[in-house]
Amino acid sequence: MSKVEQHKNLIEIMRNAKRVFVFTGAGASKESGLPTFREIDGEWSKHDPMTFATFEGFISEPVKVWNLYRLRQRQIASAQPNLAHVTIAQMEQYYPDFLLCTQNVDDLHERAGSRKIVKLHGDAWQMRCLECGRIFDIRDYNLPDEFTKESLPKCPGCGSLCRPNIVWFGEYVPQEAIAAALDAVYRCELMLVVGTSGEVSGGYGFAQQARSNGATVVEINPSEGMLTQYAHFWISEPAGVALPRIWESVTKGQGK
């Protein structure tokens, strides 16, 4: 099949799909200028993940850990959704059965307009009490840009120390998030893999499961990753470039 025929086939599949699952990773936010963690020049090359991304590291160095997350929050606040985020939000309005599942902890999808969303690894804008487990939005509180031992965030309810509400190494993804994602995976006719290599937990088996259930799997990623082997279509471009172009073809003449 020629590239032109492949493109036409992909557009037809995307135009006619009703049940769609989108799975995004760090590559989607990298296009908005947010540093990734796992790449050669990523954050884990500068900061030891055993200190900054484990519960044990947090208990040992809570000030250092919180200050890295405060830096990340400032980076997120200054970043803007890119065209991949915007296009995915438009897809939500087009497809009657749609779910976006992201490994990202930023809020760029939400700011682009996505509402049907599951965040597997937590939310960079949230803190969770170590004692009572309640979750709070950091933006609701007047917290300093940098913490000291005395100013570490405490639970507004019980006064105990709070941690970033992020899934760290050695911790489980919340069962509710995995269950919601898998429910959509089992139902979907079309799965889009956007900006993720699938290195984290093998992409949770989403692409394998979707393909085995008969769904068409499309990967949009500049580099080949662990999930490429399951893709019927691999588009080796940044999502912010490829997705808007493809979506324009899908919706052309649709009045949407």
Protein backbone atom coordinates (compact mmCIF):
# COMPACT_ATOMS: atom_id res chain seq x y z
CA MET A 1 0.00 0.00 0.00
CA SER A 2 1.40 3.41 -0.98
CA LYS A 3 1.77 6.25 1.52
CA VAL A 4 -1.13 8.07 -0.16
CA GLU A 5 -3.34 5.00 0.18
CA GLN A 6 -2.27 4.52 3.79
CA HIS A 7 -3.14 8.15 4.56
CA LYS A 8 -6.57 7.81 2.98
CA ASN A 9 -7.18 4.60 4.89
CA LEU A 10 -6.19 6.23 8.19
CA ILE A 11 -8.41 9.25 7.57
CA GLU A 12 -11.38 7.01 6.77
CA ILE A 13 -10.85 4.95 9.93
CA MET A 14 -10.60 8.06 12.10
CA ARG A 15 -13.61 9.69 10.44
CA ASN A 16 -15.87 6.68 11.02
CA ALA A 17 -14.74 5.67 14.51
CA LYS A 18 -17.17 6.13 17.40
CA ARG A 19 -15.22 4.76 20.39
CA VAL A 20 -11.79 6.34 20.80
CA PHE A 21 -9.02 6.07 23.39
CA VAL A 22 -6.07 8.49 23.40
CA PHE A 23 -2.92 7.73 25.41
CA THR A 24 -0.40 10.56 25.86
CA GLY A 25 3.01 10.89 27.43
CA ALA A 26 5.85 13.32 28.03
CA GLY A 27 6.46 13.92 24.33
CA ALA A 28 3.15 15.74 24.04
CA SER A 29 4.17 18.28 26.69
CA LYS A 30 7.78 18.51 25.50
CA GLU A 31 6.45 20.38 22.48
CA SER A 32 5.20 23.03 24.92
CA GLY A 33 8.70 23.41 26.30
CA LEU A 34 8.36 21.24 29.41
CA PRO A 35 11.53 19.22 30.09
CA THR A 36 11.06 15.46 30.05
CA PHE A 37 12.44 13.14 32.70
CA ARG A 38 13.67 10.02 30.89
CA GLU A 39 15.52 11.38 27.88
CA ILE A 40 19.32 11.58 27.87
CA ASP A 41 19.24 15.25 28.84
CA GLY A 42 16.08 14.90 30.93
CA GLU A 43 15.43 15.76 34.55
CA TRP A 44 16.66 12.41 35.88
CA SER A 45 20.09 13.16 34.44
CA LYS A 46 20.22 16.16 36.78
CA HIS A 47 18.25 14.92 39.79
CA ASP A 48 18.56 11.48 41.37
CA PRO A 49 15.17 9.78 40.96
CA MET A 50 15.79 7.73 44.10
CA THR A 51 15.74 11.01 46.03
CA PHE A 52 13.16 12.98 44.08
CA ALA A 53 10.76 10.26 42.94
CA THR A 54 10.48 7.76 45.79
CA PHE A 55 8.63 7.91 49.08
CA GLU A 56 11.84 7.05 50.94
CA GLY A 57 13.63 9.92 49.23
CA PHE A 58 10.84 12.30 50.17
CA ILE A 59 10.91 11.29 53.84
CA SER A 60 14.69 11.80 53.90
CA GLU A 61 14.75 15.09 51.98
CA PRO A 62 11.27 16.64 51.98
CA VAL A 63 12.53 20.20 51.43
CA LYS A 64 14.64 19.24 48.40
CA VAL A 65 11.83 17.20 46.90
CA TRP A 66 9.17 19.84 47.40
CA ASN A 67 11.41 22.56 45.96
CA LEU A 68 11.97 20.54 42.79
CA TYR A 69 8.20 20.19 42.41
CA ARG A 70 7.74 23.91 43.05
CA LEU A 71 10.18 24.51 40.18
CA ARG A 72 8.20 22.12 38.01
CA GLN A 73 4.99 23.94 38.88
CA ARG A 74 6.51 27.22 37.73
CA GLN A 75 7.58 25.58 34.47
CA ILE A 76 4.06 24.23 33.94
CA ALA A 77 2.47 27.60 34.74
CA SER A 78 4.62 29.34 32.12
CA ALA A 79 4.00 26.69 29.43
CA GLN A 80 1.09 26.83 27.01
CA PRO A 81 -0.91 24.00 25.40
CA ASN A 82 0.39 23.16 21.93
CA LEU A 83 -1.58 22.13 18.86
CA ALA A 84 -1.53 18.47 19.90
CA HIS A 85 -3.33 19.34 23.16
CA VAL A 86 -5.82 21.50 21.27
CA THR A 87 -6.51 18.85 18.64
CA ILE A 88 -7.11 16.15 21.25
CA ALA A 89 -9.60 18.44 22.98
CA GLN A 90 -11.39 18.87 19.63
CA MET A 91 -11.53 15.09 19.23
CA GLU A 92 -13.40 14.84 22.52
CA GLN A 93 -16.18 16.93 21.02
CA TYR A 94 -16.28 14.86 17.81
CA TYR A 95 -16.38 11.29 19.12
CA PRO A 96 -19.42 10.09 21.10
CA ASP A 97 -17.36 7.65 23.23
CA PHE A 98 -13.99 9.18 24.08
CA LEU A 99 -11.38 9.02 26.83
CA LEU A 100 -8.01 10.70 27.12
CA CYS A 101 -5.56 8.90 29.39
CA THR A 102 -2.32 10.72 30.15
CA GLN A 103 0.87 9.90 31.99
CA ASN A 104 1.58 13.62 32.30
CA VAL A 105 1.04 15.42 35.58
CA ASP A 106 0.77 18.91 34.09
CA ASP A 107 -2.54 20.62 33.29
CA LEU A 108 -1.93 21.42 29.62
CA HIS A 109 -4.63 19.03 28.41
CA GLU A 110 -7.16 20.62 30.73
CA ARG A 111 -6.18 24.13 29.67
CA ALA A 112 -6.61 23.09 26.04
CA GLY A 113 -10.21 22.08 26.83
CA SER A 114 -10.04 18.33 27.59
CA ARG A 115 -12.57 17.18 30.19
CA LYS A 116 -12.90 13.42 29.66
CA ILE A 117 -9.49 12.68 31.09
CA VAL A 118 -7.78 10.16 33.38
CA LYS A 119 -4.41 11.09 34.87
CA LEU A 120 -2.46 7.93 35.66
CA HIS A 121 0.47 9.44 37.53
CA GLY A 122 -1.22 12.13 39.56
CA ASP A 123 -1.34 15.90 39.32
CA ALA A 124 1.55 18.31 39.84
CA TRP A 125 -0.85 20.89 41.28
CA GLN A 126 -2.05 18.62 44.07
CA MET A 127 -0.71 17.69 47.50
CA ARG A 128 -1.80 14.73 49.62
CA CYS A 129 -1.74 14.45 53.40
CA LEU A 130 0.51 11.66 54.68
CA GLU A 131 -1.80 11.09 57.64
CA CYS A 132 -5.42 11.42 56.54
CA GLY A 133 -4.91 11.00 52.78
CA ARG A 134 -6.96 14.05 51.79
CA ILE A 135 -5.99 15.73 48.53
CA PHE A 136 -5.74 19.50 48.10
CA ASP A 137 -5.10 21.84 45.17
CA ILE A 138 -1.89 23.72 45.92
CA ARG A 139 -3.16 26.77 44.04
CA ASP A 140 -5.82 27.29 46.71
CA TYR A 141 -3.15 28.10 49.30
CA ASN A 142 -0.60 30.87 49.62
CA LEU A 143 2.53 28.74 49.57
CA PRO A 144 6.08 30.11 49.17
CA ASP A 145 8.03 29.62 45.93
CA GLU A 146 10.66 27.76 47.93
CA PHE A 147 10.17 25.79 51.12
CA THR A 148 12.21 25.52 54.26
CA LYS A 149 11.83 22.82 56.89
CA GLU A 150 9.54 25.15 58.84
CA SER A 151 7.36 26.12 55.87
CA LEU A 152 6.72 22.69 54.34
CA PRO A 153 3.06 22.32 53.28
CA LYS A 154 0.82 20.93 55.99
CA CYS A 155 -2.66 19.43 55.76
CA PRO A 156 -5.32 22.13 56.28
CA GLY A 157 -7.39 19.47 58.05
CA CYS A 158 -5.12 17.60 60.45
CA GLY A 159 -1.89 19.59 60.23
CA SER A 160 0.29 16.66 59.07
CA LEU A 161 2.95 16.90 56.39
CA CYS A 162 1.72 16.77 52.78
CA ARG A 163 3.51 15.21 49.81
CA PRO A 164 3.13 15.87 46.07
CA ASN A 165 0.19 13.84 44.77
CA ILE A 166 2.39 12.08 42.23
CA VAL A 167 2.87 8.36 41.65
CA TRP A 168 6.52 7.71 42.46
CA PHE A 169 8.75 4.74 41.72
CA GLY A 170 7.64 1.71 43.70
CA GLU A 171 4.07 2.98 44.05
CA TYR A 172 0.91 1.77 42.36
CA VAL A 173 -1.21 3.79 39.95
CA PRO A 174 -4.60 4.45 41.60
CA GLN A 175 -6.93 1.55 40.87
CA GLU A 176 -9.74 3.88 39.80
CA ALA A 177 -7.54 5.42 37.11
CA ILE A 178 -6.38 2.07 35.72
CA ALA A 179 -9.93 0.68 35.78
CA ALA A 180 -11.32 3.68 33.88
CA ALA A 181 -8.54 3.48 31.29
CA LEU A 182 -8.93 -0.26 30.76
CA ASP A 183 -12.69 0.07 30.39
CA ALA A 184 -12.11 2.51 27.53
CA VAL A 185 -9.36 0.33 26.04
CA TYR A 186 -11.64 -2.71 25.92
CA ARG A 187 -14.39 -0.70 24.17
CA CYS A 188 -12.38 1.37 21.73
CA GLU A 189 -12.33 0.99 17.96
CA LEU A 190 -9.43 3.42 17.63
CA MET A 191 -6.46 4.04 19.92
CA LEU A 192 -4.04 6.93 19.46
CA VAL A 193 -0.63 6.69 21.11
CA VAL A 194 0.76 10.22 21.33
CA GLY A 195 4.21 11.21 22.54
CA THR A 196 4.99 8.20 24.73
CA SER A 197 7.67 5.55 24.32
CA GLY A 198 5.75 3.05 26.45
CA GLU A 199 8.76 2.54 28.72
CA VAL A 200 6.76 3.11 31.91
CA SER A 201 5.19 -0.23 32.81
CA GLY A 202 5.15 -1.19 29.13
CA GLY A 203 2.44 1.36 28.46
CA TYR A 204 0.26 -0.65 30.88
CA GLY A 205 -0.57 -3.09 28.08
CA PHE A 206 -3.09 -0.65 26.60
CA ALA A 207 -1.88 -0.88 22.99
CA GLN A 208 -1.61 -4.68 23.08
CA GLN A 209 -5.08 -5.00 24.55
CA ALA A 210 -6.67 -2.57 22.13
CA ARG A 211 -5.13 -4.31 19.14
CA SER A 212 -6.11 -7.78 20.36
CA ASN A 213 -9.70 -6.52 20.70
CA GLY A 214 -9.70 -5.46 17.06
CA ALA A 215 -9.06 -1.73 17.48
CA THR A 216 -6.88 0.21 15.07
CA VAL A 217 -3.77 1.50 16.87
CA VAL A 218 -2.13 4.69 15.59
CA GLU A 219 1.16 5.94 17.03
CA ILE A 220 2.29 9.55 16.58
CA ASN A 221 5.83 9.84 17.86
CA PRO A 222 9.07 11.07 16.25
CA SER A 223 11.00 8.05 17.51
CA GLU A 224 10.18 4.37 17.50
CA GLY A 225 9.26 3.09 20.96
CA MET A 226 8.09 -0.02 22.76
CA LEU A 227 4.54 0.42 21.48
CA THR A 228 5.40 0.87 17.80
CA GLN A 229 5.25 -2.89 17.28
CA TYR A 230 1.51 -2.80 18.08
CA ALA A 231 0.68 0.13 15.79
CA HIS A 232 -1.13 -0.33 12.50
CA PHE A 233 0.02 3.18 11.59
CA TRP A 234 3.19 4.88 12.86
CA ILE A 235 3.55 8.59 12.05
CA SER A 236 7.12 9.59 12.86
CA GLU A 237 6.50 13.28 13.50
CA PRO A 238 5.90 15.45 16.55
CA ALA A 239 2.24 15.30 17.55
CA GLY A 240 1.88 19.08 17.40
CA VAL A 241 2.74 18.89 13.69
CA ALA A 242 1.01 15.67 12.63
CA LEU A 243 -2.22 15.70 14.65
CA PRO A 244 -3.63 19.05 13.44
CA ARG A 245 -2.88 18.13 9.82
CA ILE A 246 -4.53 14.72 10.13
CA TRP A 247 -7.50 16.13 12.04
CA GLU A 248 -8.11 18.75 9.39
CA SER A 249 -8.42 15.94 6.84
CA VAL A 250 -10.71 13.95 9.14
CA THR A 251 -13.14 16.81 9.77
CA LYS A 252 -13.02 18.41 6.33
CA GLY A 253 -16.59 18.87 5.14
CA GLN A 254 -17.98 17.44 8.39
CA GLY A 255 -19.29 20.70 9.76
CA LYS A 256 -17.55 20.10 13.10
